[in-house]
Amino acid sequence: MFDGFELTEIETSSGNLRVRHGGSGQPVLLLHGHPRTHMTWGGVADLLADRFTVVCPDLPGFGRSYVPPYAADSTHSSKRAKAAVLVEMMTTLGHRSFDVVGHDRGALTAFRMAMDHQGVVRRLVTVDGLPVLEHLERADWKFARDWYHWFFFAEPEKPERAILADPVAWYSNLDPDLMGAESYNDLLDIIHNPGAVHGMVEDYRAGIRIDHEHDRADRAAGKRVTCPMLCLWSTKDDLEKIYGDPVAIWRGWADEVTGFGINSGHHVAEENPTALAEALSDFLR
């Protein structure tokens, strides 16, 4: 994975980010989900590198990137704060405008980036994600049953204690054959790191505490994503089952949206990198 890519740390005004980048062509920023790191994009990055300059960071609070400082409203872990830091990182790398792709929690940051940094984000792709406000306003018993961790992670201290008591048991679906040995061993180390676990949990606390307020304020002001947008989802996951047509929901937030499902489980970059890379190449060309 990441053939010919450079692994480095980029210093930002908030802290250092671990990032891997390579390839050539127009820049595209790939943002991972929970509990993954940038390593999840390895197969996709290799398939894109002949046409795009691919940038894959560990999100703030995840992997080996900096852990945002604590605040009662989790503002430093908000998607707004993370989006701003990642734009700063891309500027440092020489990319003043770029496409952004986000999966799962990364989709929330990618969406916020497209809202807050219009003119910087040229195209937006979300994978298995909706605005936080949509998740919360549409939450029902199915959401509570299958996505209960959203609300458990909002509690103080207890989530970190539960995860760190036995990280491998908590993240019991990690598959080294699917992920690749290097990615698996990297993540295995990270989920035993109290700081990294706290950073990942704070990402969820921010969703419950402040991210939805940013979404609500933008909706009230009539602010929308103005760049072209592609919405993708995993057909073997539950986004479509719980919410119906994700494209229809995203049309309430963006001016130009297309989308479709990909034959995969939740971690599509690992389970079906070829189909995902093809979808991205077709949209971003």
C-alpha atoms as a PDB file:
ATOM      1  CA  MET A   1       0.000   0.000   0.000  1.00  0.00           C
ATOM      2  CA  PHE A   2       0.982   3.643  -0.597  1.00  0.00           C
ATOM      3  CA  ASP A   3       3.594   2.752  -3.186  1.00  0.00           C
ATOM      4  CA  GLY A   4       5.911   5.748  -3.634  1.00  0.00           C
ATOM      5  CA  PHE A   5       4.114   7.836  -0.966  1.00  0.00           C
ATOM      6  CA  GLU A   6       5.897   9.924   1.647  1.00  0.00           C
ATOM      7  CA  LEU A   7       5.010   9.573   5.332  1.00  0.00           C
ATOM      8  CA  THR A   8       5.623  12.744   7.310  1.00  0.00           C
ATOM      9  CA  GLU A   9       4.377  15.034  10.066  1.00  0.00           C
ATOM     10  CA  ILE A  10       2.955  18.427   9.197  1.00  0.00           C
ATOM     11  CA  GLU A  11       3.085  21.130  11.858  1.00  0.00           C
ATOM     12  CA  THR A  12      -0.078  23.221  12.200  1.00  0.00           C
ATOM     13  CA  SER A  13      -1.152  25.987  14.544  1.00  0.00           C
ATOM     14  CA  SER A  14      -3.049  23.398  16.607  1.00  0.00           C
ATOM     15  CA  GLY A  15      -0.571  20.503  16.587  1.00  0.00           C
ATOM     16  CA  ASN A  16       1.178  18.011  14.347  1.00  0.00           C
ATOM     17  CA  LEU A  17      -0.650  15.815  11.860  1.00  0.00           C
ATOM     18  CA  ARG A  18       0.614  12.469  10.586  1.00  0.00           C
ATOM     19  CA  VAL A  19       0.078  12.443   6.841  1.00  0.00           C
ATOM     20  CA  ARG A  20       0.974  10.283   3.873  1.00  0.00           C
ATOM     21  CA  HIS A  21       0.958  11.837   0.408  1.00  0.00           C
ATOM     22  CA  GLY A  22       2.006  10.955  -3.104  1.00  0.00           C
ATOM     23  CA  GLY A  23       0.932  10.633  -6.722  1.00  0.00           C
ATOM     24  CA  SER A  24       0.597  13.415  -9.271  1.00  0.00           C
ATOM     25  CA  GLY A  25      -2.220  15.546 -10.657  1.00  0.00           C
ATOM     26  CA  GLN A  26      -4.996  17.525  -9.034  1.00  0.00           C
ATOM     27  CA  PRO A  27      -4.958  17.182  -5.224  1.00  0.00           C
ATOM     28  CA  VAL A  28      -7.539  15.105  -3.369  1.00  0.00           C
ATOM     29  CA  LEU A  29      -7.772  14.883   0.420  1.00  0.00           C
ATOM     30  CA  LEU A  30      -8.985  11.538   1.843  1.00  0.00           C
ATOM     31  CA  LEU A  31     -10.422  11.565   5.384  1.00  0.00           C
ATOM     32  CA  HIS A  32     -10.936   8.300   7.267  1.00  0.00           C
ATOM     33  CA  GLY A  33     -13.556   7.232   9.799  1.00  0.00           C
ATOM     34  CA  HIS A  34     -13.664   5.607  13.245  1.00  0.00           C
ATOM     35  CA  PRO A  35     -11.613   3.860  14.531  1.00  0.00           C
ATOM     36  CA  ARG A  36      -9.374   3.848  11.472  1.00  0.00           C
ATOM     37  CA  THR A  37      -6.388   5.980  10.508  1.00  0.00           C
ATOM     38  CA  HIS A  38      -5.123   7.156   7.120  1.00  0.00           C
ATOM     39  CA  MET A  39      -3.931   3.572   6.556  1.00  0.00           C
ATOM     40  CA  THR A  40      -7.464   2.531   5.605  1.00  0.00           C
ATOM     41  CA  TRP A  41      -7.015   4.348   2.268  1.00  0.00           C
ATOM     42  CA  GLY A  42      -3.965   2.354   1.124  1.00  0.00           C
ATOM     43  CA  GLY A  43      -5.612   0.358  -1.642  1.00  0.00           C
ATOM     44  CA  VAL A  44      -7.629   3.330  -2.903  1.00  0.00           C
ATOM     45  CA  ALA A  45      -4.631   5.673  -2.808  1.00  0.00           C
ATOM     46  CA  ASP A  46      -2.558   3.367  -5.000  1.00  0.00           C
ATOM     47  CA  LEU A  47      -5.357   3.219  -7.572  1.00  0.00           C
ATOM     48  CA  LEU A  48      -5.709   7.023  -7.649  1.00  0.00           C
ATOM     49  CA  ALA A  49      -2.051   8.005  -7.588  1.00  0.00           C
ATOM     50  CA  ASP A  50      -1.515   7.920 -11.359  1.00  0.00           C
ATOM     51  CA  ARG A  51      -4.134  10.673 -11.841  1.00  0.00           C
ATOM     52  CA  PHE A  52      -4.259  12.565  -8.543  1.00  0.00           C
ATOM     53  CA  THR A  53      -2.007  13.926  -5.842  1.00  0.00           C
ATOM     54  CA  VAL A  54      -3.431  11.983  -2.905  1.00  0.00           C
ATOM     55  CA  VAL A  55      -3.182  13.304   0.674  1.00  0.00           C
ATOM     56  CA  CYS A  56      -4.168  10.996   3.540  1.00  0.00           C
ATOM     57  CA  PRO A  57      -3.839  12.392   7.093  1.00  0.00           C
ATOM     58  CA  ASP A  58      -4.772  10.946  10.429  1.00  0.00           C
ATOM     59  CA  LEU A  59      -7.660  13.161  11.524  1.00  0.00           C
ATOM     60  CA  PRO A  60      -7.004  15.343  14.568  1.00  0.00           C
ATOM     61  CA  GLY A  61      -7.712  13.171  17.594  1.00  0.00           C
ATOM     62  CA  PHE A  62      -7.125   9.957  15.661  1.00  0.00           C
ATOM     63  CA  GLY A  63      -4.134   7.762  14.956  1.00  0.00           C
ATOM     64  CA  ARG A  64      -0.841   9.542  15.578  1.00  0.00           C
ATOM     65  CA  SER A  65      -2.067  13.075  14.940  1.00  0.00           C
ATOM     66  CA  TYR A  66      -2.386  15.566  17.789  1.00  0.00           C
ATOM     67  CA  VAL A  67      -5.195  15.203  20.321  1.00  0.00           C
ATOM     68  CA  PRO A  68      -7.242  18.434  20.572  1.00  0.00           C
ATOM     69  CA  PRO A  69      -7.314  19.961  24.069  1.00  0.00           C
ATOM     70  CA  TYR A  70     -10.365  19.389  26.203  1.00  0.00           C
ATOM     71  CA  ALA A  71     -13.204  21.908  26.328  1.00  0.00           C
ATOM     72  CA  ALA A  72     -16.588  21.535  27.988  1.00  0.00           C
ATOM     73  CA  ASP A  73     -18.362  21.904  24.643  1.00  0.00           C
ATOM     74  CA  SER A  74     -15.698  19.887  22.755  1.00  0.00           C
ATOM     75  CA  THR A  75     -15.141  22.874  20.474  1.00  0.00           C
ATOM     76  CA  HIS A  76     -11.537  21.912  19.738  1.00  0.00           C
ATOM     77  CA  SER A  77     -12.765  18.540  18.474  1.00  0.00           C
ATOM     78  CA  SER A  78     -15.560  20.072  16.417  1.00  0.00           C
ATOM     79  CA  LYS A  79     -15.661  19.348  12.718  1.00  0.00           C
ATOM     80  CA  ARG A  80     -15.284  23.091  12.154  1.00  0.00           C
ATOM     81  CA  ALA A  81     -11.974  23.139  14.043  1.00  0.00           C
ATOM     82  CA  LYS A  82     -10.729  19.995  12.309  1.00  0.00           C
ATOM     83  CA  ALA A  83     -11.685  21.274   8.876  1.00  0.00           C
ATOM     84  CA  ALA A  84      -9.760  24.501   9.480  1.00  0.00           C
ATOM     85  CA  VAL A  85      -6.633  22.623  10.578  1.00  0.00           C
ATOM     86  CA  LEU A  86      -6.781  20.328   7.558  1.00  0.00           C
ATOM     87  CA  VAL A  87      -7.135  23.289   5.192  1.00  0.00           C
ATOM     88  CA  GLU A  88      -4.054  24.756   6.883  1.00  0.00           C
ATOM     89  CA  MET A  89      -2.223  21.454   6.334  1.00  0.00           C
ATOM     90  CA  MET A  90      -3.153  21.385   2.650  1.00  0.00           C
ATOM     91  CA  THR A  91      -1.908  24.968   2.241  1.00  0.00           C
ATOM     92  CA  THR A  92       1.397  23.944   3.809  1.00  0.00           C
ATOM     93  CA  LEU A  93       1.635  21.158   1.223  1.00  0.00           C
ATOM     94  CA  GLY A  94       1.039  23.731  -1.532  1.00  0.00           C
ATOM     95  CA  HIS A  95      -2.622  22.942  -2.247  1.00  0.00           C
ATOM     96  CA  ARG A  96      -4.808  26.045  -2.006  1.00  0.00           C
ATOM     97  CA  SER A  97      -7.809  24.313  -3.593  1.00  0.00           C
ATOM     98  CA  PHE A  98      -8.567  20.613  -3.711  1.00  0.00           C
ATOM     99  CA  ASP A  99     -11.209  17.891  -3.713  1.00  0.00           C
ATOM    100  CA  VAL A 100     -12.133  16.220  -0.422  1.00  0.00           C
ATOM    101  CA  VAL A 101     -13.465  12.725   0.263  1.00  0.00           C
ATOM    102  CA  GLY A 102     -14.655  11.703   3.718  1.00  0.00           C
ATOM    103  CA  HIS A 103     -15.789   8.344   5.090  1.00  0.00           C
ATOM    104  CA  ASP A 104     -17.853   7.894   8.265  1.00  0.00           C
ATOM    105  CA  ARG A 105     -16.561  10.470  10.799  1.00  0.00           C
ATOM    106  CA  GLY A 106     -14.344  11.854   8.068  1.00  0.00           C
ATOM    107  CA  ALA A 107     -17.477  12.582   6.030  1.00  0.00           C
ATOM    108  CA  LEU A 108     -18.635  14.956   8.775  1.00  0.00           C
ATOM    109  CA  THR A 109     -15.367  16.888   8.627  1.00  0.00           C
ATOM    110  CA  ALA A 110     -15.417  16.886   4.816  1.00  0.00           C
ATOM    111  CA  PHE A 111     -18.951  18.302   4.818  1.00  0.00           C
ATOM    112  CA  ARG A 112     -18.025  21.009   7.315  1.00  0.00           C
ATOM    113  CA  MET A 113     -14.967  21.862   5.206  1.00  0.00           C
ATOM    114  CA  ALA A 114     -17.138  22.310   2.116  1.00  0.00           C
ATOM    115  CA  MET A 115     -19.522  24.542   4.073  1.00  0.00           C
ATOM    116  CA  ASP A 116     -16.901  26.694   5.803  1.00  0.00           C
ATOM    117  CA  HIS A 117     -14.278  26.881   3.058  1.00  0.00           C
ATOM    118  CA  GLN A 118     -16.221  27.424  -0.125  1.00  0.00           C
ATOM    119  CA  GLY A 119     -13.821  28.265  -2.918  1.00  0.00           C
ATOM    120  CA  VAL A 120     -11.162  26.021  -1.374  1.00  0.00           C
ATOM    121  CA  VAL A 121     -13.065  22.744  -1.741  1.00  0.00           C
ATOM    122  CA  ARG A 122     -13.659  22.094  -5.438  1.00  0.00           C
ATOM    123  CA  ARG A 123     -15.659  18.870  -5.086  1.00  0.00           C
ATOM    124  CA  LEU A 124     -17.053  16.995  -2.099  1.00  0.00           C
ATOM    125  CA  VAL A 125     -17.530  13.242  -1.723  1.00  0.00           C
ATOM    126  CA  THR A 126     -19.138  11.701   1.363  1.00  0.00           C
ATOM    127  CA  VAL A 127     -19.125   7.964   2.016  1.00  0.00           C
ATOM    128  CA  ASP A 128     -21.500   6.479   4.609  1.00  0.00           C
ATOM    129  CA  GLY A 129     -22.337   9.809   6.195  1.00  0.00           C
ATOM    130  CA  LEU A 130     -24.948  12.532   6.640  1.00  0.00           C
ATOM    131  CA  PRO A 131     -24.815  15.858   8.477  1.00  0.00           C
ATOM    132  CA  VAL A 132     -24.800  15.298  12.246  1.00  0.00           C
ATOM    133  CA  LEU A 133     -28.065  17.206  12.575  1.00  0.00           C
ATOM    134  CA  GLU A 134     -29.791  14.825  10.168  1.00  0.00           C
ATOM    135  CA  HIS A 135     -28.637  11.834  12.193  1.00  0.00           C
ATOM    136  CA  LEU A 136     -29.904  13.314  15.437  1.00  0.00           C
ATOM    137  CA  GLU A 137     -33.216  14.645  14.154  1.00  0.00           C
ATOM    138  CA  ARG A 138     -34.002  11.340  12.407  1.00  0.00           C
ATOM    139  CA  ALA A 139     -32.875   9.140  15.318  1.00  0.00           C
ATOM    140  CA  ASP A 140     -35.385   6.425  16.162  1.00  0.00           C
ATOM    141  CA  TRP A 141     -35.312   3.051  17.906  1.00  0.00           C
ATOM    142  CA  LYS A 142     -33.290   1.535  15.049  1.00  0.00           C
ATOM    143  CA  PHE A 143     -30.669   4.260  15.410  1.00  0.00           C
ATOM    144  CA  ALA A 144     -30.608   3.786  19.194  1.00  0.00           C
ATOM    145  CA  ARG A 145     -30.243   0.018  18.784  1.00  0.00           C
ATOM    146  CA  ASP A 146     -27.525  -0.010  16.113  1.00  0.00           C
ATOM    147  CA  TRP A 147     -25.739   3.317  16.698  1.00  0.00           C
ATOM    148  CA  TYR A 148     -26.021   3.455  20.491  1.00  0.00           C
ATOM    149  CA  HIS A 149     -22.312   4.291  20.751  1.00  0.00           C
ATOM    150  CA  TRP A 150     -23.075   7.838  19.554  1.00  0.00           C
ATOM    151  CA  PHE A 151     -24.817   8.475  22.872  1.00  0.00           C
ATOM    152  CA  PHE A 152     -22.567   6.325  25.039  1.00  0.00           C
ATOM    153  CA  PHE A 153     -19.508   8.164  23.707  1.00  0.00           C
ATOM    154  CA  ALA A 154     -21.155  11.455  24.680  1.00  0.00           C
ATOM    155  CA  GLU A 155     -20.837  10.485  28.367  1.00  0.00           C
ATOM    156  CA  PRO A 156     -17.804  11.761  30.312  1.00  0.00           C
ATOM    157  CA  GLU A 157     -14.954   9.326  31.104  1.00  0.00           C
ATOM    158  CA  LYS A 158     -16.936   6.074  30.951  1.00  0.00           C
ATOM    159  CA  PRO A 159     -16.386   5.359  27.232  1.00  0.00           C
ATOM    160  CA  GLU A 160     -12.603   5.636  27.555  1.00  0.00           C
ATOM    161  CA  ARG A 161     -12.656   3.316  30.582  1.00  0.00           C
ATOM    162  CA  ALA A 162     -14.775   0.749  28.762  1.00  0.00           C
ATOM    163  CA  ILE A 163     -12.622   0.736  25.625  1.00  0.00           C
ATOM    164  CA  LEU A 164      -9.257   0.727  27.402  1.00  0.00           C
ATOM    165  CA  ALA A 165     -10.315  -2.123  29.698  1.00  0.00           C
ATOM    166  CA  ASP A 166      -9.993  -4.418  26.661  1.00  0.00           C
ATOM    167  CA  PRO A 167      -9.472  -2.558  23.373  1.00  0.00           C
ATOM    168  CA  VAL A 168      -9.338  -5.692  21.228  1.00  0.00           C
ATOM    169  CA  ALA A 169     -12.640  -6.888  22.654  1.00  0.00           C
ATOM    170  CA  TRP A 170     -14.249  -3.486  22.104  1.00  0.00           C
ATOM    171  CA  TYR A 171     -13.026  -3.294  18.506  1.00  0.00           C
ATOM    172  CA  SER A 172     -13.711  -6.960  17.917  1.00  0.00           C
ATOM    173  CA  ASN A 173     -14.337  -6.674  14.175  1.00  0.00           C
ATOM    174  CA  LEU A 174     -10.779  -5.670  13.231  1.00  0.00           C
ATOM    175  CA  ASP A 175      -9.663  -8.089  10.510  1.00  0.00           C
ATOM    176  CA  PRO A 176      -5.916  -8.220   9.772  1.00  0.00           C
ATOM    177  CA  ASP A 177      -6.527 -10.153   6.547  1.00  0.00           C
ATOM    178  CA  LEU A 178      -8.838  -7.411   5.293  1.00  0.00           C
ATOM    179  CA  MET A 179      -6.889  -4.444   6.617  1.00  0.00           C
ATOM    180  CA  GLY A 180      -3.397  -5.707   5.855  1.00  0.00           C
ATOM    181  CA  ALA A 181      -0.788  -6.518   8.484  1.00  0.00           C
ATOM    182  CA  GLU A 182       0.813  -3.054   8.563  1.00  0.00           C
ATOM    183  CA  SER A 183      -2.507  -1.259   8.957  1.00  0.00           C
ATOM    184  CA  TYR A 184      -3.752  -3.743  11.559  1.00  0.00           C
ATOM    185  CA  ASN A 185      -0.611  -3.541  13.709  1.00  0.00           C
ATOM    186  CA  ASP A 186      -0.646   0.255  13.514  1.00  0.00           C
ATOM    187  CA  LEU A 187      -4.250   0.403  14.673  1.00  0.00           C
ATOM    188  CA  LEU A 188      -3.695  -2.236  17.355  1.00  0.00           C
ATOM    189  CA  ASP A 189      -1.093   0.017  18.941  1.00  0.00           C
ATOM    190  CA  ILE A 190      -3.321   3.076  18.661  1.00  0.00           C
ATOM    191  CA  ILE A 191      -6.384   1.583  20.352  1.00  0.00           C
ATOM    192  CA  HIS A 192      -4.225   0.825  23.395  1.00  0.00           C
ATOM    193  CA  ASN A 193      -3.148   4.482  23.608  1.00  0.00           C
ATOM    194  CA  PRO A 194      -5.296   6.414  26.135  1.00  0.00           C
ATOM    195  CA  GLY A 195      -4.727   9.730  24.368  1.00  0.00           C
ATOM    196  CA  ALA A 196      -5.795   8.388  20.991  1.00  0.00           C
ATOM    197  CA  VAL A 197      -8.866   6.681  22.448  1.00  0.00           C
ATOM    198  CA  HIS A 198      -9.863   9.908  24.192  1.00  0.00           C
ATOM    199  CA  GLY A 199      -9.408  11.836  20.940  1.00  0.00           C
ATOM    200  CA  MET A 200     -11.662   9.446  19.025  1.00  0.00           C
ATOM    201  CA  VAL A 201     -14.361   9.578  21.682  1.00  0.00           C
ATOM    202  CA  GLU A 202     -14.207  13.383  21.798  1.00  0.00           C
ATOM    203  CA  ASP A 203     -15.031  13.403  18.087  1.00  0.00           C
ATOM    204  CA  TYR A 204     -18.409  11.897  18.999  1.00  0.00           C
ATOM    205  CA  ARG A 205     -18.882  14.200  21.993  1.00  0.00           C
ATOM    206  CA  ALA A 206     -18.380  17.144  19.661  1.00  0.00           C
ATOM    207  CA  GLY A 207     -21.148  15.816  17.440  1.00  0.00           C
ATOM    208  CA  ILE A 208     -23.622  15.771  20.315  1.00  0.00           C
ATOM    209  CA  ARG A 209     -22.408  18.992  21.920  1.00  0.00           C
ATOM    210  CA  ILE A 210     -21.539  21.471  19.162  1.00  0.00           C
ATOM    211  CA  ASP A 211     -21.433  20.078  15.597  1.00  0.00           C
ATOM    212  CA  HIS A 212     -25.208  19.889  15.320  1.00  0.00           C
ATOM    213  CA  GLU A 213     -25.412  23.526  16.425  1.00  0.00           C
ATOM    214  CA  HIS A 214     -23.172  24.538  13.522  1.00  0.00           C
ATOM    215  CA  ASP A 215     -25.391  22.542  11.160  1.00  0.00           C
ATOM    216  CA  ARG A 216     -28.545  24.110  12.581  1.00  0.00           C
ATOM    217  CA  ALA A 217     -27.169  27.641  12.262  1.00  0.00           C
ATOM    218  CA  ASP A 218     -26.203  27.044   8.632  1.00  0.00           C
ATOM    219  CA  ARG A 219     -29.601  25.584   7.818  1.00  0.00           C
ATOM    220  CA  ALA A 220     -31.370  28.553   9.412  1.00  0.00           C
ATOM    221  CA  ALA A 221     -29.189  30.929   7.404  1.00  0.00           C
ATOM    222  CA  GLY A 222     -29.848  29.056   4.163  1.00  0.00           C
ATOM    223  CA  LYS A 223     -26.170  28.203   3.740  1.00  0.00           C
ATOM    224  CA  ARG A 224     -25.483  25.252   1.442  1.00  0.00           C
ATOM    225  CA  VAL A 225     -22.679  23.282  -0.163  1.00  0.00           C
ATOM    226  CA  THR A 226     -22.142  25.027  -3.484  1.00  0.00           C
ATOM    227  CA  CYS A 227     -19.518  22.753  -5.057  1.00  0.00           C
ATOM    228  CA  PRO A 228     -20.493  19.553  -6.916  1.00  0.00           C
ATOM    229  CA  MET A 229     -21.097  16.691  -4.491  1.00  0.00           C
ATOM    230  CA  LEU A 230     -21.128  12.892  -4.721  1.00  0.00           C
ATOM    231  CA  CYS A 231     -22.847  10.844  -2.015  1.00  0.00           C
ATOM    232  CA  LEU A 232     -21.770   7.186  -1.741  1.00  0.00           C
ATOM    233  CA  TRP A 233     -22.819   4.502   0.691  1.00  0.00           C
ATOM    234  CA  SER A 234     -22.121   0.840   1.411  1.00  0.00           C
ATOM    235  CA  THR A 235     -25.056  -1.318   0.403  1.00  0.00           C
ATOM    236  CA  LYS A 236     -24.238  -3.960   3.035  1.00  0.00           C
ATOM    237  CA  ASP A 237     -24.155  -1.328   5.783  1.00  0.00           C
ATOM    238  CA  ASP A 238     -27.245   0.306   7.309  1.00  0.00           C
ATOM    239  CA  LEU A 239     -27.238   3.975   6.224  1.00  0.00           C
ATOM    240  CA  GLU A 240     -29.820   3.449   3.490  1.00  0.00           C
ATOM    241  CA  LYS A 241     -31.815   0.983   5.601  1.00  0.00           C
ATOM    242  CA  ILE A 242     -32.237   3.435   8.464  1.00  0.00           C
ATOM    243  CA  TYR A 243     -32.664   6.712   6.547  1.00  0.00           C
ATOM    244  CA  GLY A 244     -33.918   5.829   3.078  1.00  0.00           C
ATOM    245  CA  ASP A 245     -32.334   7.549   0.077  1.00  0.00           C
ATOM    246  CA  PRO A 246     -29.194   9.393   1.263  1.00  0.00           C
ATOM    247  CA  VAL A 247     -29.081  11.475  -1.941  1.00  0.00           C
ATOM    248  CA  ALA A 248     -32.532  12.903  -1.189  1.00  0.00           C
ATOM    249  CA  ILE A 249     -31.367  13.935   2.286  1.00  0.00           C
ATOM    250  CA  TRP A 250     -28.196  15.547   0.982  1.00  0.00           C
ATOM    251  CA  ARG A 251     -30.197  17.593  -1.526  1.00  0.00           C
ATOM    252  CA  GLY A 252     -31.471  19.531   1.463  1.00  0.00           C
ATOM    253  CA  TRP A 253     -27.889  20.686   2.067  1.00  0.00           C
ATOM    254  CA  ALA A 254     -26.181  20.883  -1.322  1.00  0.00           C
ATOM    255  CA  ASP A 255     -26.990  22.452  -4.681  1.00  0.00           C
ATOM    256  CA  GLU A 256     -25.689  19.665  -6.931  1.00  0.00           C
ATOM    257  CA  VAL A 257     -25.768  16.090  -5.607  1.00  0.00           C
ATOM    258  CA  THR A 258     -25.522  12.697  -7.260  1.00  0.00           C
ATOM    259  CA  GLY A 259     -24.885   9.350  -5.618  1.00  0.00           C
ATOM    260  CA  PHE A 260     -25.212   5.587  -5.480  1.00  0.00           C
ATOM    261  CA  GLY A 261     -24.414   2.580  -3.339  1.00  0.00           C
ATOM    262  CA  ILE A 262     -21.287   0.419  -3.536  1.00  0.00           C
ATOM    263  CA  ASN A 263     -21.335  -3.326  -2.926  1.00  0.00           C
ATOM    264  CA  SER A 264     -19.483  -3.421   0.377  1.00  0.00           C
ATOM    265  CA  GLY A 265     -19.693  -3.466   4.118  1.00  0.00           C
ATOM    266  CA  HIS A 266     -18.957  -0.361   6.160  1.00  0.00           C
ATOM    267  CA  HIS A 267     -15.202  -0.160   5.609  1.00  0.00           C
ATOM    268  CA  VAL A 268     -15.519   0.201   1.855  1.00  0.00           C
ATOM    269  CA  ALA A 269     -11.971   1.482   1.269  1.00  0.00           C
ATOM    270  CA  GLU A 270     -10.701  -1.863   2.540  1.00  0.00           C
ATOM    271  CA  GLU A 271     -13.499  -4.145   1.354  1.00  0.00           C
ATOM    272  CA  ASN A 272     -13.973  -2.835  -2.186  1.00  0.00           C
ATOM    273  CA  PRO A 273     -11.178  -0.355  -2.997  1.00  0.00           C
ATOM    274  CA  THR A 274     -11.491  -0.908  -6.747  1.00  0.00           C
ATOM    275  CA  ALA A 275     -15.155   0.134  -6.925  1.00  0.00           C
ATOM    276  CA  LEU A 276     -14.554   3.098  -4.627  1.00  0.00           C
ATOM    277  CA  ALA A 277     -11.522   4.281  -6.609  1.00  0.00           C
ATOM    278  CA  GLU A 278     -13.483   4.001  -9.850  1.00  0.00           C
ATOM    279  CA  ALA A 279     -16.351   6.043  -8.412  1.00  0.00           C
ATOM    280  CA  LEU A 280     -13.948   8.728  -7.226  1.00  0.00           C
ATOM    281  CA  SER A 281     -12.019   8.844 -10.483  1.00  0.00           C
ATOM    282  CA  ASP A 282     -15.201   9.208 -12.531  1.00  0.00           C
ATOM    283  CA  PHE A 283     -16.515  12.037 -10.367  1.00  0.00           C
ATOM    284  CA  LEU A 284     -13.277  13.939  -9.780  1.00  0.00           C
ATOM    285  CA  ARG A 285     -11.846  13.784 -13.306  1.00  0.00           C
END
